[in-house]
Amino acid sequence: MKIAVASTAGGLDDMVSPVFGRCQAFTVVEVDGNQIKGAKVIPNQYAAAMSGAGIQAAGLVAREGIEVAMAGSFGPNVSAILSQSGVKMVAVSGMKVRDAVQKYLNGELSSVYQPTAPAGMGMGRGMGRGMGYGMGRGMGRGMGRGMMQQLPAQAGQPVQQIRSADQEIRALEDRIRSLEDQLKQVRRRIGELKEK
């Protein structure tokens, strides 16, 4: 069986990404029974797409012959494509890839059968002045007003609004790490193009 885990950089010791479509890489884990046999990292070439990142990433995973996909959350488009492709979805967050896969193999995590995030949770196409109110309204100048964030859903649970300052700080710190990873990939790609 092959399990694709949305991850922040890739690898068994990396963290599960809070999002599927715009994760930096997919860690594809091969399992036999309840044992992890190997893993490979597939960079998500659609992470910085202007639009349709989730749809394209879901197609990438489906073409790899994946049976189970894991991420912090799955949007409606991703959910539809993975479901149509026969890929089971498992919503999980706050743990390493290896631990998430092992918990799934041990029966401690179950599949979800509907989206766990509302539509429009990506980077958005807006030219706004900040990060907006959590619905992908643009990545423009400044930080915007409020920075309302959402926590990824656990398996079978609806997405919840952040209620405490500590939870909001953790979510914002996760977002910073994700954006820093995206920036590294963009800089690396620019370097590659300059060398050609």
N, C-alpha and C. Protein backbone atom coordinates (compact mmCIF):
# COMPACT_ATOMS: atom_id res chain seq x y z
N MET A 1 0.86 -1.18 0.00
CA MET A 1 0.00 0.00 0.00
C MET A 1 0.90 1.24 0.00
N LYS A 2 0.44 2.27 -0.70
CA LYS A 2 1.17 3.54 -0.74
C LYS A 2 0.31 4.64 -0.10
N ILE A 3 0.92 5.37 0.83
CA ILE A 3 0.24 6.46 1.53
C ILE A 3 0.98 7.75 1.21
N ALA A 4 0.27 8.76 0.74
CA ALA A 4 0.87 10.07 0.46
C ALA A 4 0.52 11.01 1.60
N VAL A 5 1.56 11.55 2.23
CA VAL A 5 1.35 12.47 3.35
C VAL A 5 1.80 13.86 2.93
N ALA A 6 0.88 14.82 2.95
CA ALA A 6 1.23 16.21 2.68
C ALA A 6 2.19 16.64 3.78
N SER A 7 3.36 17.14 3.40
CA SER A 7 4.36 17.48 4.40
C SER A 7 4.97 18.85 4.12
N THR A 8 5.59 19.40 5.14
CA THR A 8 6.10 20.77 5.03
C THR A 8 7.40 20.82 4.23
N ALA A 9 8.22 19.77 4.26
CA ALA A 9 9.44 19.74 3.46
C ALA A 9 9.65 18.36 2.83
N GLY A 10 9.14 17.31 3.47
CA GLY A 10 9.26 15.96 2.94
C GLY A 10 10.13 15.08 3.82
N GLY A 11 9.75 13.82 3.92
CA GLY A 11 10.51 12.84 4.70
C GLY A 11 9.71 12.33 5.88
N LEU A 12 10.10 11.16 6.38
CA LEU A 12 9.38 10.52 7.47
C LEU A 12 9.44 11.32 8.77
N ASP A 13 10.50 12.10 8.97
CA ASP A 13 10.64 12.86 10.20
C ASP A 13 10.14 14.29 10.07
N ASP A 14 9.54 14.62 8.92
CA ASP A 14 8.96 15.94 8.70
C ASP A 14 7.56 15.98 9.32
N MET A 15 7.03 17.18 9.49
CA MET A 15 5.68 17.36 10.04
C MET A 15 4.63 17.25 8.93
N VAL A 16 3.46 16.75 9.30
CA VAL A 16 2.32 16.71 8.37
C VAL A 16 1.90 18.15 8.11
N SER A 17 1.68 18.50 6.85
CA SER A 17 1.27 19.85 6.48
C SER A 17 -0.17 20.10 6.90
N PRO A 18 -0.47 21.33 7.34
CA PRO A 18 -1.86 21.64 7.69
C PRO A 18 -2.78 21.71 6.47
N VAL A 19 -2.21 21.81 5.27
CA VAL A 19 -3.00 21.89 4.04
C VAL A 19 -2.53 20.83 3.06
N PHE A 20 -3.40 20.43 2.16
CA PHE A 20 -3.05 19.42 1.15
C PHE A 20 -2.52 20.08 -0.12
N GLY A 21 -3.33 20.89 -0.76
CA GLY A 21 -3.01 21.40 -2.09
C GLY A 21 -1.77 22.27 -2.16
N ARG A 22 -1.50 23.01 -1.11
CA ARG A 22 -0.35 23.91 -1.12
C ARG A 22 0.78 23.46 -0.20
N CYS A 23 0.80 22.17 0.14
CA CYS A 23 1.93 21.65 0.91
C CYS A 23 3.18 21.72 0.03
N GLN A 24 4.33 21.71 0.66
CA GLN A 24 5.58 21.82 -0.10
C GLN A 24 5.98 20.52 -0.78
N ALA A 25 5.62 19.39 -0.18
CA ALA A 25 6.01 18.10 -0.74
C ALA A 25 5.06 17.03 -0.23
N PHE A 26 5.03 15.92 -0.97
CA PHE A 26 4.30 14.74 -0.53
C PHE A 26 5.32 13.67 -0.18
N THR A 27 5.22 13.13 1.02
CA THR A 27 6.05 12.00 1.41
C THR A 27 5.23 10.76 1.11
N VAL A 28 5.69 9.99 0.13
CA VAL A 28 4.99 8.77 -0.27
C VAL A 28 5.61 7.61 0.49
N VAL A 29 4.80 7.01 1.35
CA VAL A 29 5.26 5.95 2.25
C VAL A 29 4.72 4.61 1.76
N GLU A 30 5.64 3.66 1.56
CA GLU A 30 5.24 2.31 1.18
C GLU A 30 5.15 1.46 2.43
N VAL A 31 4.03 0.78 2.58
CA VAL A 31 3.83 -0.05 3.76
C VAL A 31 3.48 -1.48 3.35
N ASP A 32 3.85 -2.39 4.21
CA ASP A 32 3.51 -3.80 4.03
C ASP A 32 2.96 -4.28 5.36
N GLY A 33 1.67 -4.58 5.40
CA GLY A 33 1.02 -4.92 6.66
C GLY A 33 1.02 -3.69 7.55
N ASN A 34 1.62 -3.80 8.73
CA ASN A 34 1.71 -2.67 9.66
C ASN A 34 3.12 -2.10 9.72
N GLN A 35 3.93 -2.38 8.71
CA GLN A 35 5.33 -1.96 8.70
C GLN A 35 5.59 -0.94 7.60
N ILE A 36 6.33 0.11 7.94
CA ILE A 36 6.79 1.08 6.93
C ILE A 36 8.01 0.47 6.26
N LYS A 37 7.94 0.33 4.93
CA LYS A 37 9.03 -0.31 4.19
C LYS A 37 9.95 0.69 3.51
N GLY A 38 9.45 1.87 3.23
CA GLY A 38 10.27 2.87 2.55
C GLY A 38 9.47 4.13 2.31
N ALA A 39 10.19 5.17 1.87
CA ALA A 39 9.52 6.44 1.60
C ALA A 39 10.29 7.21 0.54
N LYS A 40 9.57 8.00 -0.23
CA LYS A 40 10.21 8.91 -1.18
C LYS A 40 9.47 10.23 -1.10
N VAL A 41 10.15 11.29 -1.49
CA VAL A 41 9.58 12.63 -1.44
C VAL A 41 9.31 13.11 -2.86
N ILE A 42 8.09 13.58 -3.08
CA ILE A 42 7.72 14.19 -4.36
C ILE A 42 7.41 15.66 -4.10
N PRO A 43 8.25 16.57 -4.62
CA PRO A 43 7.95 18.00 -4.44
C PRO A 43 6.60 18.35 -5.06
N ASN A 44 5.85 19.20 -4.39
CA ASN A 44 4.55 19.63 -4.91
C ASN A 44 4.79 20.82 -5.83
N GLN A 45 4.87 20.56 -7.10
CA GLN A 45 5.15 21.61 -8.08
C GLN A 45 3.99 22.60 -8.21
N TYR A 46 2.87 22.30 -7.59
CA TYR A 46 1.69 23.18 -7.69
C TYR A 46 1.49 24.05 -6.45
N ALA A 47 2.39 23.96 -5.47
CA ALA A 47 2.23 24.67 -4.21
C ALA A 47 2.05 26.17 -4.39
N ALA A 48 2.72 26.76 -5.36
CA ALA A 48 2.65 28.21 -5.57
C ALA A 48 1.78 28.60 -6.77
N ALA A 49 0.97 27.66 -7.26
CA ALA A 49 0.11 27.96 -8.41
C ALA A 49 -0.85 29.10 -8.08
N MET A 50 -1.12 29.95 -9.05
CA MET A 50 -2.03 31.07 -8.84
C MET A 50 -3.43 30.59 -8.49
N SER A 51 -3.84 29.50 -9.11
CA SER A 51 -5.16 28.92 -8.80
C SER A 51 -5.13 27.44 -9.15
N GLY A 52 -6.04 26.70 -8.57
CA GLY A 52 -6.16 25.28 -8.88
C GLY A 52 -5.09 24.40 -8.27
N ALA A 53 -4.39 24.88 -7.26
CA ALA A 53 -3.30 24.09 -6.65
C ALA A 53 -3.82 22.77 -6.10
N GLY A 54 -4.95 22.80 -5.41
CA GLY A 54 -5.50 21.59 -4.81
C GLY A 54 -5.90 20.56 -5.85
N ILE A 55 -6.53 21.03 -6.92
CA ILE A 55 -6.97 20.14 -7.99
C ILE A 55 -5.77 19.45 -8.64
N GLN A 56 -4.74 20.24 -8.94
CA GLN A 56 -3.55 19.69 -9.60
C GLN A 56 -2.79 18.76 -8.66
N ALA A 57 -2.67 19.13 -7.39
CA ALA A 57 -1.96 18.28 -6.42
C ALA A 57 -2.71 16.96 -6.23
N ALA A 58 -4.03 17.01 -6.17
CA ALA A 58 -4.83 15.79 -6.04
C ALA A 58 -4.63 14.88 -7.25
N GLY A 59 -4.56 15.47 -8.43
CA GLY A 59 -4.29 14.69 -9.65
C GLY A 59 -2.91 14.03 -9.60
N LEU A 60 -1.93 14.77 -9.12
CA LEU A 60 -0.57 14.23 -8.97
C LEU A 60 -0.58 13.01 -8.06
N VAL A 61 -1.23 13.12 -6.92
CA VAL A 61 -1.30 12.02 -5.96
C VAL A 61 -2.05 10.83 -6.56
N ALA A 62 -3.16 11.09 -7.23
CA ALA A 62 -3.94 10.00 -7.83
C ALA A 62 -3.13 9.25 -8.89
N ARG A 63 -2.33 9.98 -9.68
CA ARG A 63 -1.51 9.35 -10.73
C ARG A 63 -0.40 8.47 -10.14
N GLU A 64 -0.02 8.69 -8.91
CA GLU A 64 1.03 7.90 -8.26
C GLU A 64 0.52 6.55 -7.73
N GLY A 65 -0.76 6.29 -7.87
CA GLY A 65 -1.32 5.03 -7.39
C GLY A 65 -1.45 4.98 -5.87
N ILE A 66 -1.70 6.12 -5.30
CA ILE A 66 -1.83 6.24 -3.84
C ILE A 66 -3.18 5.69 -3.39
N GLU A 67 -3.20 5.01 -2.27
CA GLU A 67 -4.45 4.48 -1.72
C GLU A 67 -4.99 5.33 -0.58
N VAL A 68 -4.09 6.02 0.15
CA VAL A 68 -4.49 6.85 1.28
C VAL A 68 -3.72 8.16 1.22
N ALA A 69 -4.42 9.28 1.43
CA ALA A 69 -3.79 10.60 1.49
C ALA A 69 -4.02 11.18 2.87
N MET A 70 -2.97 11.80 3.43
CA MET A 70 -3.07 12.40 4.76
C MET A 70 -2.66 13.87 4.68
N ALA A 71 -3.39 14.72 5.41
CA ALA A 71 -3.08 16.15 5.51
C ALA A 71 -3.88 16.72 6.67
N GLY A 72 -3.55 17.95 7.04
CA GLY A 72 -4.31 18.62 8.09
C GLY A 72 -5.73 18.89 7.67
N SER A 73 -5.90 19.26 6.39
CA SER A 73 -7.25 19.53 5.89
C SER A 73 -7.32 19.28 4.39
N PHE A 74 -8.54 19.02 3.92
CA PHE A 74 -8.81 18.77 2.51
C PHE A 74 -9.95 19.69 2.08
N GLY A 75 -9.72 20.49 1.06
CA GLY A 75 -10.76 21.35 0.53
C GLY A 75 -11.74 20.58 -0.33
N PRO A 76 -12.84 21.22 -0.74
CA PRO A 76 -13.88 20.54 -1.53
C PRO A 76 -13.38 19.97 -2.87
N ASN A 77 -12.55 20.73 -3.59
CA ASN A 77 -12.06 20.24 -4.88
C ASN A 77 -11.13 19.05 -4.72
N VAL A 78 -10.23 19.14 -3.75
CA VAL A 78 -9.31 18.03 -3.46
C VAL A 78 -10.12 16.80 -3.06
N SER A 79 -11.07 17.00 -2.17
CA SER A 79 -11.90 15.90 -1.68
C SER A 79 -12.62 15.20 -2.83
N ALA A 80 -13.17 15.98 -3.75
CA ALA A 80 -13.90 15.40 -4.88
C ALA A 80 -12.98 14.57 -5.77
N ILE A 81 -11.80 15.09 -6.08
CA ILE A 81 -10.89 14.37 -6.97
C ILE A 81 -10.35 13.10 -6.31
N LEU A 82 -9.94 13.22 -5.06
CA LEU A 82 -9.42 12.04 -4.37
C LEU A 82 -10.49 10.97 -4.23
N SER A 83 -11.71 11.38 -3.88
CA SER A 83 -12.81 10.41 -3.74
C SER A 83 -13.08 9.71 -5.05
N GLN A 84 -13.13 10.47 -6.15
CA GLN A 84 -13.38 9.89 -7.47
C GLN A 84 -12.27 8.93 -7.89
N SER A 85 -11.06 9.18 -7.39
CA SER A 85 -9.91 8.34 -7.73
C SER A 85 -9.77 7.14 -6.80
N GLY A 86 -10.66 7.03 -5.81
CA GLY A 86 -10.61 5.92 -4.87
C GLY A 86 -9.55 6.06 -3.79
N VAL A 87 -9.08 7.30 -3.57
CA VAL A 87 -8.07 7.56 -2.55
C VAL A 87 -8.77 7.93 -1.25
N LYS A 88 -8.46 7.21 -0.17
CA LYS A 88 -9.03 7.52 1.14
C LYS A 88 -8.33 8.74 1.70
N MET A 89 -9.06 9.59 2.44
CA MET A 89 -8.49 10.79 3.05
C MET A 89 -8.48 10.63 4.56
N VAL A 90 -7.37 11.04 5.17
CA VAL A 90 -7.23 11.00 6.62
C VAL A 90 -6.76 12.38 7.06
N ALA A 91 -7.59 13.07 7.84
CA ALA A 91 -7.23 14.40 8.35
C ALA A 91 -6.47 14.23 9.66
N VAL A 92 -5.24 14.74 9.68
CA VAL A 92 -4.38 14.62 10.87
C VAL A 92 -3.44 15.81 10.90
N SER A 93 -3.15 16.30 12.09
CA SER A 93 -2.23 17.43 12.19
C SER A 93 -1.43 17.36 13.48
N GLY A 94 -0.36 18.14 13.52
CA GLY A 94 0.43 18.25 14.74
C GLY A 94 1.32 17.06 15.04
N MET A 95 1.69 16.28 14.02
CA MET A 95 2.58 15.15 14.28
C MET A 95 3.48 14.90 13.08
N LYS A 96 4.51 14.10 13.31
CA LYS A 96 5.43 13.75 12.24
C LYS A 96 4.78 12.76 11.28
N VAL A 97 5.28 12.75 10.05
CA VAL A 97 4.76 11.85 9.02
C VAL A 97 4.80 10.40 9.49
N ARG A 98 5.94 9.98 10.00
CA ARG A 98 6.11 8.60 10.47
C ARG A 98 5.05 8.24 11.51
N ASP A 99 4.83 9.13 12.48
CA ASP A 99 3.86 8.87 13.54
C ASP A 99 2.44 8.80 13.01
N ALA A 100 2.11 9.70 12.06
CA ALA A 100 0.76 9.71 11.48
C ALA A 100 0.49 8.41 10.74
N VAL A 101 1.46 7.96 9.94
CA VAL A 101 1.29 6.71 9.19
C VAL A 101 1.14 5.54 10.15
N GLN A 102 1.99 5.49 11.18
CA GLN A 102 1.91 4.37 12.13
C GLN A 102 0.58 4.36 12.87
N LYS A 103 0.08 5.54 13.26
CA LYS A 103 -1.22 5.60 13.93
C LYS A 103 -2.33 5.10 13.00
N TYR A 104 -2.24 5.45 11.71
CA TYR A 104 -3.23 4.97 10.74
C TYR A 104 -3.16 3.45 10.62
N LEU A 105 -1.95 2.93 10.50
CA LEU A 105 -1.77 1.48 10.38
C LEU A 105 -2.26 0.73 11.62
N ASN A 106 -2.14 1.38 12.78
CA ASN A 106 -2.60 0.77 14.03
C ASN A 106 -4.10 0.94 14.25
N GLY A 107 -4.80 1.60 13.32
CA GLY A 107 -6.23 1.79 13.44
C GLY A 107 -6.63 2.93 14.36
N GLU A 108 -5.68 3.81 14.69
CA GLU A 108 -5.98 4.92 15.59
C GLU A 108 -6.52 6.15 14.87
N LEU A 109 -6.41 6.18 13.55
CA LEU A 109 -6.94 7.28 12.73
C LEU A 109 -7.90 6.70 11.70
N SER A 110 -8.99 7.44 11.44
CA SER A 110 -9.96 6.94 10.47
C SER A 110 -10.10 7.91 9.31
N SER A 111 -10.67 7.40 8.24
CA SER A 111 -10.85 8.20 7.02
C SER A 111 -11.96 9.22 7.20
N VAL A 112 -11.87 10.30 6.42
CA VAL A 112 -12.95 11.28 6.33
C VAL A 112 -13.54 11.15 4.92
N TYR A 113 -14.81 11.50 4.80
CA TYR A 113 -15.48 11.29 3.52
C TYR A 113 -16.05 12.57 2.93
N GLN A 114 -15.67 13.68 3.51
CA GLN A 114 -16.13 14.97 3.01
C GLN A 114 -15.03 16.00 3.27
N PRO A 115 -15.11 17.16 2.63
CA PRO A 115 -14.08 18.18 2.85
C PRO A 115 -13.98 18.56 4.33
N THR A 116 -12.75 18.87 4.76
CA THR A 116 -12.54 19.30 6.14
C THR A 116 -12.15 20.77 6.21
N ALA A 117 -12.15 21.43 5.06
CA ALA A 117 -11.85 22.87 5.00
C ALA A 117 -12.81 23.50 3.99
N PRO A 118 -13.22 24.73 4.22
CA PRO A 118 -14.10 25.40 3.26
C PRO A 118 -13.36 25.74 1.98
N ALA A 119 -14.10 26.03 0.94
CA ALA A 119 -13.51 26.45 -0.33
C ALA A 119 -12.76 27.76 -0.14
N GLY A 120 -11.72 27.95 -0.94
CA GLY A 120 -11.02 29.23 -0.94
C GLY A 120 -10.02 29.40 0.16
N MET A 121 -9.48 28.31 0.73
CA MET A 121 -8.51 28.45 1.82
C MET A 121 -7.08 28.60 1.31
N GLY A 122 -6.88 28.70 0.01
CA GLY A 122 -5.53 28.80 -0.54
C GLY A 122 -4.97 30.20 -0.48
N MET A 123 -3.98 30.47 -1.34
CA MET A 123 -3.30 31.76 -1.34
C MET A 123 -4.21 32.85 -1.90
N GLY A 124 -5.16 32.48 -2.69
CA GLY A 124 -6.07 33.47 -3.25
C GLY A 124 -5.44 34.21 -4.42
N ARG A 125 -6.26 34.94 -5.15
CA ARG A 125 -5.77 35.70 -6.29
C ARG A 125 -5.92 37.18 -6.06
N GLY A 126 -6.38 37.54 -4.88
CA GLY A 126 -6.62 38.95 -4.59
C GLY A 126 -5.34 39.75 -4.51
N MET A 127 -5.45 41.03 -4.72
CA MET A 127 -4.31 41.92 -4.62
C MET A 127 -4.48 42.79 -3.38
N GLY A 128 -5.04 42.19 -2.34
CA GLY A 128 -5.35 42.92 -1.12
C GLY A 128 -4.12 43.42 -0.39
N ARG A 129 -4.36 44.09 0.72
CA ARG A 129 -3.28 44.68 1.49
C ARG A 129 -2.83 43.80 2.62
N GLY A 130 -3.10 42.55 2.59
CA GLY A 130 -2.64 41.71 3.69
C GLY A 130 -3.17 40.31 3.56
N MET A 131 -3.17 39.61 4.65
CA MET A 131 -3.55 38.21 4.65
C MET A 131 -5.05 38.05 4.78
N GLY A 132 -5.79 39.14 4.90
CA GLY A 132 -7.24 39.08 4.91
C GLY A 132 -7.80 38.44 6.16
N TYR A 133 -8.93 37.81 6.04
CA TYR A 133 -9.62 37.22 7.18
C TYR A 133 -9.70 35.71 7.06
N GLY A 134 -8.64 35.07 6.55
CA GLY A 134 -8.57 33.61 6.55
C GLY A 134 -9.20 32.94 5.35
N MET A 135 -9.65 33.67 4.38
CA MET A 135 -10.29 33.04 3.23
C MET A 135 -9.52 33.31 1.94
N GLY A 136 -8.19 33.43 2.00
CA GLY A 136 -7.39 33.54 0.79
C GLY A 136 -7.63 34.83 0.03
N ARG A 137 -7.68 35.96 0.71
CA ARG A 137 -8.03 37.22 0.07
C ARG A 137 -6.82 37.97 -0.46
N GLY A 138 -5.70 37.36 -0.48
CA GLY A 138 -4.54 38.01 -1.08
C GLY A 138 -3.33 37.95 -0.17
N MET A 139 -2.19 38.08 -0.77
CA MET A 139 -0.93 38.01 -0.03
C MET A 139 -0.17 39.31 -0.27
N GLY A 140 -0.85 40.41 -0.29
CA GLY A 140 -0.25 41.69 -0.66
C GLY A 140 0.57 42.32 0.43
N ARG A 141 0.59 43.65 0.45
CA ARG A 141 1.44 44.41 1.38
C ARG A 141 0.87 44.39 2.78
N GLY A 142 1.76 44.27 3.76
CA GLY A 142 1.34 44.38 5.16
C GLY A 142 0.69 43.12 5.68
N MET A 143 0.20 43.21 6.86
CA MET A 143 -0.38 42.05 7.52
C MET A 143 -1.90 42.09 7.56
N GLY A 144 -2.50 43.12 7.07
CA GLY A 144 -3.96 43.17 7.07
C GLY A 144 -4.51 43.38 8.46
N ARG A 145 -5.81 43.32 8.59
CA ARG A 145 -6.44 43.52 9.90
C ARG A 145 -6.98 42.20 10.40
N GLY A 146 -6.53 41.79 11.53
CA GLY A 146 -7.17 40.65 12.21
C GLY A 146 -6.48 39.32 12.04
N MET A 147 -6.09 38.94 10.85
CA MET A 147 -5.48 37.64 10.58
C MET A 147 -6.24 36.48 11.20
N MET A 148 -7.51 36.40 10.97
CA MET A 148 -8.33 35.30 11.47
C MET A 148 -7.86 34.01 10.82
N GLN A 149 -7.52 33.03 11.58
CA GLN A 149 -7.02 31.76 11.09
C GLN A 149 -7.99 30.65 11.45
N GLN A 150 -7.76 29.48 10.84
CA GLN A 150 -8.56 28.32 11.20
C GLN A 150 -7.65 27.16 11.53
N LEU A 151 -8.06 26.36 12.48
CA LEU A 151 -7.31 25.16 12.82
C LEU A 151 -7.70 24.05 11.86
N PRO A 152 -6.73 23.21 11.45
CA PRO A 152 -7.09 22.05 10.62
C PRO A 152 -8.00 21.13 11.42
N ALA A 153 -8.90 20.49 10.72
CA ALA A 153 -9.84 19.58 11.38
C ALA A 153 -9.16 18.26 11.70
N GLN A 154 -9.55 17.66 12.79
CA GLN A 154 -9.15 16.29 13.08
C GLN A 154 -10.13 15.39 12.33
N ALA A 155 -9.81 14.14 12.26
CA ALA A 155 -10.63 13.20 11.50
C ALA A 155 -12.10 13.29 11.91
N GLY A 156 -12.94 13.60 10.95
CA GLY A 156 -14.38 13.63 11.18
C GLY A 156 -14.89 14.86 11.90
N GLN A 157 -14.03 15.79 12.25
CA GLN A 157 -14.44 16.98 12.98
C GLN A 157 -14.50 18.18 12.04
N PRO A 158 -15.44 19.11 12.24
CA PRO A 158 -15.48 20.30 11.41
C PRO A 158 -14.32 21.23 11.74
N VAL A 159 -13.98 22.08 10.78
CA VAL A 159 -12.94 23.08 11.02
C VAL A 159 -13.42 24.01 12.13
N GLN A 160 -12.54 24.31 13.08
CA GLN A 160 -12.91 25.14 14.21
C GLN A 160 -12.18 26.47 14.15
N GLN A 161 -12.84 27.55 14.56
CA GLN A 161 -12.18 28.84 14.68
C GLN A 161 -11.27 28.80 15.91
N ILE A 162 -10.12 29.44 15.79
CA ILE A 162 -9.19 29.51 16.91
C ILE A 162 -9.80 30.35 18.01
N ARG A 163 -9.69 29.87 19.26
CA ARG A 163 -10.32 30.59 20.36
C ARG A 163 -9.30 31.17 21.34
N SER A 164 -8.13 30.54 21.47
CA SER A 164 -7.19 31.05 22.45
C SER A 164 -6.00 31.70 21.77
N ALA A 165 -5.32 32.58 22.50
CA ALA A 165 -4.14 33.27 21.97
C ALA A 165 -3.04 32.26 21.67
N ASP A 166 -2.86 31.25 22.53
CA ASP A 166 -1.81 30.25 22.31
C ASP A 166 -2.05 29.48 21.01
N GLN A 167 -3.30 29.11 20.77
CA GLN A 167 -3.62 28.39 19.54
C GLN A 167 -3.38 29.29 18.32
N GLU A 168 -3.74 30.54 18.42
CA GLU A 168 -3.53 31.46 17.30
C GLU A 168 -2.05 31.65 17.05
N ILE A 169 -1.26 31.77 18.10
CA ILE A 169 0.19 31.92 17.94
C ILE A 169 0.77 30.70 17.24
N ARG A 170 0.36 29.49 17.67
CA ARG A 170 0.86 28.27 17.03
C ARG A 170 0.47 28.24 15.55
N ALA A 171 -0.77 28.60 15.24
CA ALA A 171 -1.21 28.60 13.84
C ALA A 171 -0.41 29.60 13.02
N LEU A 172 -0.16 30.77 13.58
CA LEU A 172 0.62 31.79 12.86
C LEU A 172 2.07 31.35 12.68
N GLU A 173 2.65 30.71 13.69
CA GLU A 173 4.01 30.21 13.57
C GLU A 173 4.10 29.12 12.50
N ASP A 174 3.09 28.24 12.43
CA ASP A 174 3.04 27.23 11.38
C ASP A 174 2.96 27.89 10.01
N ARG A 175 2.16 28.93 9.90
CA ARG A 175 2.02 29.65 8.63
C ARG A 175 3.34 30.29 8.23
N ILE A 176 4.07 30.86 9.19
CA ILE A 176 5.38 31.46 8.90
C ILE A 176 6.33 30.39 8.36
N ARG A 177 6.36 29.21 9.02
CA ARG A 177 7.24 28.15 8.54
C ARG A 177 6.88 27.73 7.12
N SER A 178 5.59 27.62 6.86
CA SER A 178 5.14 27.24 5.53
C SER A 178 5.56 28.28 4.49
N LEU A 179 5.38 29.55 4.82
CA LEU A 179 5.76 30.62 3.88
C LEU A 179 7.27 30.67 3.68
N GLU A 180 8.04 30.44 4.75
CA GLU A 180 9.50 30.41 4.62
C GLU A 180 9.94 29.26 3.71
N ASP A 181 9.28 28.11 3.84
CA ASP A 181 9.59 26.98 2.96
C ASP A 181 9.27 27.32 1.51
N GLN A 182 8.13 27.97 1.27
CA GLN A 182 7.77 28.38 -0.08
C GLN A 182 8.80 29.36 -0.64
N LEU A 183 9.24 30.30 0.18
CA LEU A 183 10.23 31.28 -0.25
C LEU A 183 11.55 30.60 -0.61
N LYS A 184 11.97 29.60 0.16
CA LYS A 184 13.19 28.85 -0.15
C LYS A 184 13.08 28.17 -1.50
N GLN A 185 11.92 27.57 -1.77
CA GLN A 185 11.72 26.88 -3.05
C GLN A 185 11.75 27.86 -4.20
N VAL A 186 11.14 29.02 -4.03
CA VAL A 186 11.14 30.03 -5.09
C VAL A 186 12.57 30.49 -5.35
N ARG A 187 13.33 30.77 -4.29
CA ARG A 187 14.73 31.21 -4.46
C ARG A 187 15.57 30.12 -5.13
N ARG A 188 15.36 28.86 -4.73
CA ARG A 188 16.09 27.77 -5.35
C ARG A 188 15.78 27.68 -6.84
N ARG A 189 14.51 27.83 -7.18
CA ARG A 189 14.10 27.76 -8.60
C ARG A 189 14.69 28.92 -9.39
N ILE A 190 14.72 30.11 -8.81
CA ILE A 190 15.33 31.26 -9.48
C ILE A 190 16.81 30.98 -9.74
N GLY A 191 17.49 30.41 -8.73
CA GLY A 191 18.90 30.04 -8.90
C GLY A 191 19.10 29.04 -10.02
N GLU A 192 18.22 28.04 -10.10
CA GLU A 192 18.31 27.05 -11.16
C GLU A 192 18.13 27.69 -12.53
N LEU A 193 17.16 28.60 -12.63
CA LEU A 193 16.91 29.25 -13.92
C LEU A 193 18.07 30.15 -14.33
N LYS A 194 18.71 30.80 -13.38
CA LYS A 194 19.85 31.68 -13.68
C LYS A 194 21.06 30.87 -14.16
N GLU A 195 21.19 29.62 -13.71
CA GLU A 195 22.32 28.79 -14.10
C GLU A 195 22.18 28.27 -15.51
N LYS A 196 20.98 28.26 -16.05
CA LYS A 196 20.75 27.72 -17.41
C LYS A 196 21.26 28.64 -18.47
